[in-house]
PDB file of N, CA and C in Angstrom:
ATOM      1  N   UNK A   1      41.014 293.142  31.616  1.00  0.00           N
ATOM      2  CA  UNK A   1      42.150 293.305  32.263  1.00  0.00           C
ATOM      3  C   UNK A   1      42.432 295.081  32.014  1.00  0.00           C
ATOM      4  N   UNK A   2      41.840 295.578  31.043  1.00  0.00           N
ATOM      5  CA  UNK A   2      41.812 297.003  30.831  1.00  0.00           C
ATOM      6  C   UNK A   2      41.317 297.729  31.699  1.00  0.00           C
ATOM      7  N   UNK A   3      40.024 297.312  32.151  1.00  0.00           N
ATOM      8  CA  UNK A   3      39.288 297.981  33.179  1.00  0.00           C
ATOM      9  C   UNK A   3      40.055 298.021  34.555  1.00  0.00           C
ATOM     10  N   UNK A   4      40.738 296.823  34.733  1.00  0.00           N
ATOM     11  CA  UNK A   4      41.406 296.722  36.078  1.00  0.00           C
ATOM     12  C   UNK A   4      42.364 297.520  35.994  1.00  0.00           C
ATOM     13  N   UNK A   5      43.281 297.604  35.244  1.00  0.00           N
ATOM     14  CA  UNK A   5      44.441 298.371  35.018  1.00  0.00           C
ATOM     15  C   UNK A   5      44.140 300.136  35.084  1.00  0.00           C
ATOM     16  N   UNK A   6      43.060 300.424  34.495  1.00  0.00           N
ATOM     17  CA  UNK A   6      42.830 301.623  34.588  1.00  0.00           C
ATOM     18  C   UNK A   6      42.240 302.054  35.781  1.00  0.00           C
ATOM     19  N   UNK A   7      41.386 301.193  36.371  1.00  0.00           N
ATOM     20  CA  UNK A   7      40.932 301.494  37.790  1.00  0.00           C
ATOM     21  C   UNK A   7      42.007 301.535  38.772  1.00  0.00           C
ATOM     22  N   UNK A   8      43.049 300.748  38.689  1.00  0.00           N
ATOM     23  CA  UNK A   8      44.142 300.627  39.703  1.00  0.00           C
ATOM     24  C   UNK A   8      45.079 302.005  39.440  1.00  0.00           C
ATOM     25  N   UNK A   9      44.874 302.617  38.385  1.00  0.00           N
ATOM     26  CA  UNK A   9      46.046 303.677  38.061  1.00  0.00           C
ATOM     27  C   UNK A   9      45.487 305.101  38.724  1.00  0.00           C
ATOM     28  N   UNK A  10      44.143 304.834  38.920  1.00  0.00           N
ATOM     29  CA  UNK A  10      43.378 306.111  39.662  1.00  0.00           C
ATOM     30  C   UNK A  10      43.636 307.388  38.833  1.00  0.00           C
ATOM     31  N   UNK A  11      44.239 308.280  39.357  1.00  0.00           N
ATOM     32  CA  UNK A  11      44.502 309.648  38.759  1.00  0.00           C
ATOM     33  C   UNK A  11      45.815 309.767  38.101  1.00  0.00           C
ATOM     34  N   UNK A  12      46.445 308.697  38.038  1.00  0.00           N
ATOM     35  CA  UNK A  12      47.866 308.618  37.267  1.00  0.00           C
ATOM     36  C   UNK A  12      47.545 308.569  35.792  1.00  0.00           C
ATOM     37  N   UNK A  13      48.607 309.267  35.144  1.00  0.00           N
ATOM     38  CA  UNK A  13      48.357 309.040  33.635  1.00  0.00           C
ATOM     39  C   UNK A  13      49.044 307.950  33.323  1.00  0.00           C
ATOM     40  N   UNK A  14      48.843 307.568  32.002  1.00  0.00           N
ATOM     41  CA  UNK A  14      49.694 306.389  31.504  1.00  0.00           C
ATOM     42  C   UNK A  14      51.258 306.839  31.378  1.00  0.00           C
ATOM     43  N   UNK A  15      51.638 307.873  31.340  1.00  0.00           N
ATOM     44  CA  UNK A  15      52.855 308.412  31.321  1.00  0.00           C
ATOM     45  C   UNK A  15      53.396 307.893  32.650  1.00  0.00           C
ATOM     46  N   UNK A  16      52.781 308.394  33.671  1.00  0.00           N
ATOM     47  CA  UNK A  16      53.231 308.210  35.061  1.00  0.00           C
ATOM     48  C   UNK A  16      53.527 306.744  35.368  1.00  0.00           C
ATOM     49  N   UNK A  17      52.520 306.197  35.023  1.00  0.00           N
ATOM     50  CA  UNK A  17      52.397 304.724  35.499  1.00  0.00           C
ATOM     51  C   UNK A  17      53.541 304.190  34.475  1.00  0.00           C
ATOM     52  N   UNK A  18      53.684 304.376  33.400  1.00  0.00           N
ATOM     53  CA  UNK A  18      54.763 303.776  32.543  1.00  0.00           C
ATOM     54  C   UNK A  18      56.184 303.966  33.232  1.00  0.00           C
ATOM     55  N   UNK A  19      56.217 305.316  33.550  1.00  0.00           N
ATOM     56  CA  UNK A  19      57.724 305.659  33.916  1.00  0.00           C
ATOM     57  C   UNK A  19      57.836 305.063  35.450  1.00  0.00           C
ATOM     58  N   UNK A  20      56.735 304.777  36.278  1.00  0.00           N
ATOM     59  CA  UNK A  20      56.911 303.946  37.429  1.00  0.00           C
ATOM     60  C   UNK A  20      57.478 302.576  37.528  1.00  0.00           C
ATOM     61  N   UNK A  21      56.821 301.975  36.019  1.00  0.00           N
ATOM     62  CA  UNK A  21      57.382 300.652  35.882  1.00  0.00           C
ATOM     63  C   UNK A  21      58.305 300.366  34.902  1.00  0.00           C
ATOM     64  N   UNK A  22      58.963 301.747  34.574  1.00  0.00           N
ATOM     65  CA  UNK A  22      60.055 301.602  33.826  1.00  0.00           C
ATOM     66  C   UNK A  22      59.894 300.963  32.454  1.00  0.00           C
ATOM     67  N   UNK A  23      58.905 301.304  31.855  1.00  0.00           N
ATOM     68  CA  UNK A  23      58.476 300.744  30.352  1.00  0.00           C
ATOM     69  C   UNK A  23      58.011 301.787  29.722  1.00  0.00           C
ATOM     70  N   UNK A  24      57.733 301.511  28.215  1.00  0.00           N
ATOM     71  CA  UNK A  24      57.418 302.755  27.564  1.00  0.00           C
ATOM     72  C   UNK A  24      55.748 302.711  27.617  1.00  0.00           C
ATOM     73  N   UNK A  25      55.123 303.979  27.586  1.00  0.00           N
ATOM     74  CA  UNK A  25      53.865 304.167  27.389  1.00  0.00           C
ATOM     75  C   UNK A  25      53.159 303.128  26.205  1.00  0.00           C
ATOM     76  N   UNK A  26      53.974 303.087  25.036  1.00  0.00           N
ATOM     77  CA  UNK A  26      53.361 302.103  24.241  1.00  0.00           C
ATOM     78  C   UNK A  26      53.262 300.628  24.623  1.00  0.00           C
ATOM     79  N   UNK A  27      54.253 300.163  25.499  1.00  0.00           N
ATOM     80  CA  UNK A  27      54.126 298.932  25.886  1.00  0.00           C
ATOM     81  C   UNK A  27      52.762 298.649  27.061  1.00  0.00           C
ATOM     82  N   UNK A  28      52.865 299.776  27.823  1.00  0.00           N
ATOM     83  CA  UNK A  28      51.609 299.710  28.899  1.00  0.00           C
ATOM     84  C   UNK A  28      50.414 299.614  28.075  1.00  0.00           C
ATOM     85  N   UNK A  29      50.190 300.719  27.155  1.00  0.00           N
ATOM     86  CA  UNK A  29      48.890 300.608  26.270  1.00  0.00           C
ATOM     87  C   UNK A  29      48.647 299.469  25.778  1.00  0.00           C
ATOM     88  N   UNK A  30      49.741 298.803  24.953  1.00  0.00           N
ATOM     89  CA  UNK A  30      49.578 297.492  24.400  1.00  0.00           C
ATOM     90  C   UNK A  30      49.148 296.311  25.433  1.00  0.00           C
ATOM     91  N   UNK A  31      49.504 296.530  26.630  1.00  0.00           N
ATOM     92  CA  UNK A  31      49.321 295.494  27.807  1.00  0.00           C
ATOM     93  C   UNK A  31      47.768 295.654  28.088  1.00  0.00           C
ATOM     94  N   UNK A  32      47.374 296.851  28.341  1.00  0.00           N
ATOM     95  CA  UNK A  32      45.944 297.380  28.825  1.00  0.00           C
ATOM     96  C   UNK A  32      44.903 296.744  27.727  1.00  0.00           C
ATOM     97  N   UNK A  33      45.299 297.102  26.296  1.00  0.00           N
ATOM     98  CA  UNK A  33      44.288 296.637  25.464  1.00  0.00           C
ATOM     99  C   UNK A  33      44.114 295.241  25.149  1.00  0.00           C
ATOM    100  N   UNK A  34      45.287 294.415  25.555  1.00  0.00           N
ATOM    101  CA  UNK A  34      45.271 293.059  25.319  1.00  0.00           C
ATOM    102  C   UNK A  34      46.201 292.645  24.128  1.00  0.00           C
ATOM    103  N   UNK A  35      46.922 293.575  23.324  1.00  0.00           N
ATOM    104  CA  UNK A  35      47.620 293.172  22.354  1.00  0.00           C
ATOM    105  C   UNK A  35      49.243 292.734  22.712  1.00  0.00           C
ATOM    106  N   UNK A  36      49.555 293.001  23.983  1.00  0.00           N
ATOM    107  CA  UNK A  36      50.922 292.373  24.516  1.00  0.00           C
ATOM    108  C   UNK A  36      50.338 291.739  25.866  1.00  0.00           C
ATOM    109  N   UNK A  37      51.108 290.664  26.109  1.00  0.00           N
ATOM    110  CA  UNK A  37      51.143 289.945  27.315  1.00  0.00           C
ATOM    111  C   UNK A  37      52.347 290.221  27.954  1.00  0.00           C
ATOM    112  N   UNK A  38      52.278 290.576  29.376  1.00  0.00           N
ATOM    113  CA  UNK A  38      53.475 291.051  29.920  1.00  0.00           C
ATOM    114  C   UNK A  38      54.447 289.576  30.390  1.00  0.00           C
ATOM    115  N   UNK A  39      55.523 289.751  30.387  1.00  0.00           N
ATOM    116  CA  UNK A  39      56.516 288.614  30.973  1.00  0.00           C
ATOM    117  C   UNK A  39      55.929 288.291  32.426  1.00  0.00           C
ATOM    118  N   UNK A  40      56.350 287.411  32.917  1.00  0.00           N
ATOM    119  CA  UNK A  40      55.916 287.078  34.073  1.00  0.00           C
ATOM    120  C   UNK A  40      56.706 288.229  35.053  1.00  0.00           C
ATOM    121  N   UNK A  41      57.913 288.432  34.591  1.00  0.00           N
ATOM    122  CA  UNK A  41      58.749 289.527  35.452  1.00  0.00           C
ATOM    123  C   UNK A  41      57.694 290.905  35.590  1.00  0.00           C
ATOM    124  N   UNK A  42      57.369 291.338  34.291  1.00  0.00           N
ATOM    125  CA  UNK A  42      56.664 292.412  34.273  1.00  0.00           C
ATOM    126  C   UNK A  42      55.567 292.285  34.876  1.00  0.00           C
ATOM    127  N   UNK A  43      54.862 291.170  34.658  1.00  0.00           N
ATOM    128  CA  UNK A  43      53.558 291.131  35.287  1.00  0.00           C
ATOM    129  C   UNK A  43      53.721 291.187  37.001  1.00  0.00           C
ATOM    130  N   UNK A  44      54.592 290.816  37.604  1.00  0.00           N
ATOM    131  CA  UNK A  44      55.148 290.716  39.031  1.00  0.00           C
ATOM    132  C   UNK A  44      55.447 292.225  39.377  1.00  0.00           C
ATOM    133  N   UNK A  45      55.989 293.040  38.502  1.00  0.00           N
ATOM    134  CA  UNK A  45      56.234 294.263  38.710  1.00  0.00           C
ATOM    135  C   UNK A  45      55.257 295.217  38.752  1.00  0.00           C
ATOM    136  N   UNK A  46      54.092 295.045  37.806  1.00  0.00           N
ATOM    137  CA  UNK A  46      52.862 295.681  37.773  1.00  0.00           C
ATOM    138  C   UNK A  46      52.226 295.378  38.827  1.00  0.00           C
ATOM    139  N   UNK A  47      52.131 294.203  39.414  1.00  0.00           N
ATOM    140  CA  UNK A  47      51.414 293.792  40.638  1.00  0.00           C
ATOM    141  C   UNK A  47      51.974 294.361  41.848  1.00  0.00           C
ATOM    142  N   UNK A  48      53.280 294.507  42.030  1.00  0.00           N
ATOM    143  CA  UNK A  48      54.036 295.218  43.179  1.00  0.00           C
ATOM    144  C   UNK A  48      53.386 296.562  42.968  1.00  0.00           C
ATOM    145  N   UNK A  49      53.728 297.226  41.903  1.00  0.00           N
ATOM    146  CA  UNK A  49      53.414 298.763  41.763  1.00  0.00           C
ATOM    147  C   UNK A  49      52.118 298.877  42.284  1.00  0.00           C
ATOM    148  N   UNK A  50      50.988 298.175  42.167  1.00  0.00           N
ATOM    149  CA  UNK A  50      49.624 298.391  42.502  1.00  0.00           C
ATOM    150  C   UNK A  50      49.103 297.914  43.653  1.00  0.00           C
ATOM    151  N   UNK A  51      50.277 297.171  44.414  1.00  0.00           N
ATOM    152  CA  UNK A  51      50.127 296.704  45.893  1.00  0.00           C
ATOM    153  C   UNK A  51      48.888 295.400  45.527  1.00  0.00           C
ATOM    154  N   UNK A  52      48.922 294.724  44.871  1.00  0.00           N
ATOM    155  CA  UNK A  52      48.067 293.490  44.391  1.00  0.00           C
ATOM    156  C   UNK A  52      48.721 292.359  44.021  1.00  0.00           C
ATOM    157  N   UNK A  53      47.923 291.434  43.682  1.00  0.00           N
ATOM    158  CA  UNK A  53      48.609 290.215  43.131  1.00  0.00           C
ATOM    159  C   UNK A  53      48.382 289.821  41.386  1.00  0.00           C
ATOM    160  N   UNK A  54      49.243 289.382  40.913  1.00  0.00           N
ATOM    161  CA  UNK A  54      49.206 289.054  39.557  1.00  0.00           C
ATOM    162  C   UNK A  54      47.840 288.661  39.040  1.00  0.00           C
ATOM    163  N   UNK A  55      47.277 287.586  40.061  1.00  0.00           N
ATOM    164  CA  UNK A  55      45.764 287.032  39.735  1.00  0.00           C
ATOM    165  C   UNK A  55      44.911 287.996  39.730  1.00  0.00           C
ATOM    166  N   UNK A  56      44.998 288.961  40.685  1.00  0.00           N
ATOM    167  CA  UNK A  56      43.925 289.885  40.624  1.00  0.00           C
ATOM    168  C   UNK A  56      43.878 290.813  39.311  1.00  0.00           C
ATOM    169  N   UNK A  57      45.054 291.094  38.843  1.00  0.00           N
ATOM    170  CA  UNK A  57      44.983 291.851  37.756  1.00  0.00           C
ATOM    171  C   UNK A  57      44.885 291.279  36.326  1.00  0.00           C
ATOM    172  N   UNK A  58      45.616 289.934  36.271  1.00  0.00           N
ATOM    173  CA  UNK A  58      45.532 289.259  34.956  1.00  0.00           C
ATOM    174  C   UNK A  58      44.509 288.137  34.719  1.00  0.00           C
ATOM    175  N   UNK A  59      43.827 287.707  35.724  1.00  0.00           N
ATOM    176  CA  UNK A  59      43.022 286.445  35.661  1.00  0.00           C
ATOM    177  C   UNK A  59      41.511 286.797  36.054  1.00  0.00           C
ATOM    178  N   UNK A  60      40.679 286.353  35.209  1.00  0.00           N
ATOM    179  CA  UNK A  60      39.427 286.462  35.707  1.00  0.00           C
ATOM    180  C   UNK A  60      39.078 285.889  36.959  1.00  0.00           C
ATOM    181  N   UNK A  61      38.240 286.178  37.667  1.00  0.00           N
ATOM    182  CA  UNK A  61      37.373 285.709  38.842  1.00  0.00           C
ATOM    183  C   UNK A  61      36.586 284.358  38.390  1.00  0.00           C
ATOM    184  N   UNK A  62      36.840 283.197  39.017  1.00  0.00           N
ATOM    185  CA  UNK A  62      36.035 282.210  38.762  1.00  0.00           C
ATOM    186  C   UNK A  62      34.842 282.256  39.726  1.00  0.00           C
ATOM    187  N   UNK A  63      34.633 283.075  40.699  1.00  0.00           N
ATOM    188  CA  UNK A  63      33.658 283.078  41.520  1.00  0.00           C
ATOM    189  C   UNK A  63      32.730 284.253  41.098  1.00  0.00           C
ATOM    190  N   UNK A  64      31.590 284.149  41.150  1.00  0.00           N
ATOM    191  CA  UNK A  64      30.491 285.341  40.762  1.00  0.00           C
ATOM    192  C   UNK A  64      29.533 285.673  41.983  1.00  0.00           C
TER     193      UNK A  64
END
């Protein structure tokens, strides 16, 4: 998940993304490294922020 979130953030800093999501940098960092699992509401907000789906960000693809 960390790689997906970092790739999606592009040139934006952790602070910029956190501000856009209206969460703390610490919360975003914890989600990226897998220490915290976002609520469904926050996962949806993250997906909307990146114009993708919750599944694309938070779930591994079963197809190889």
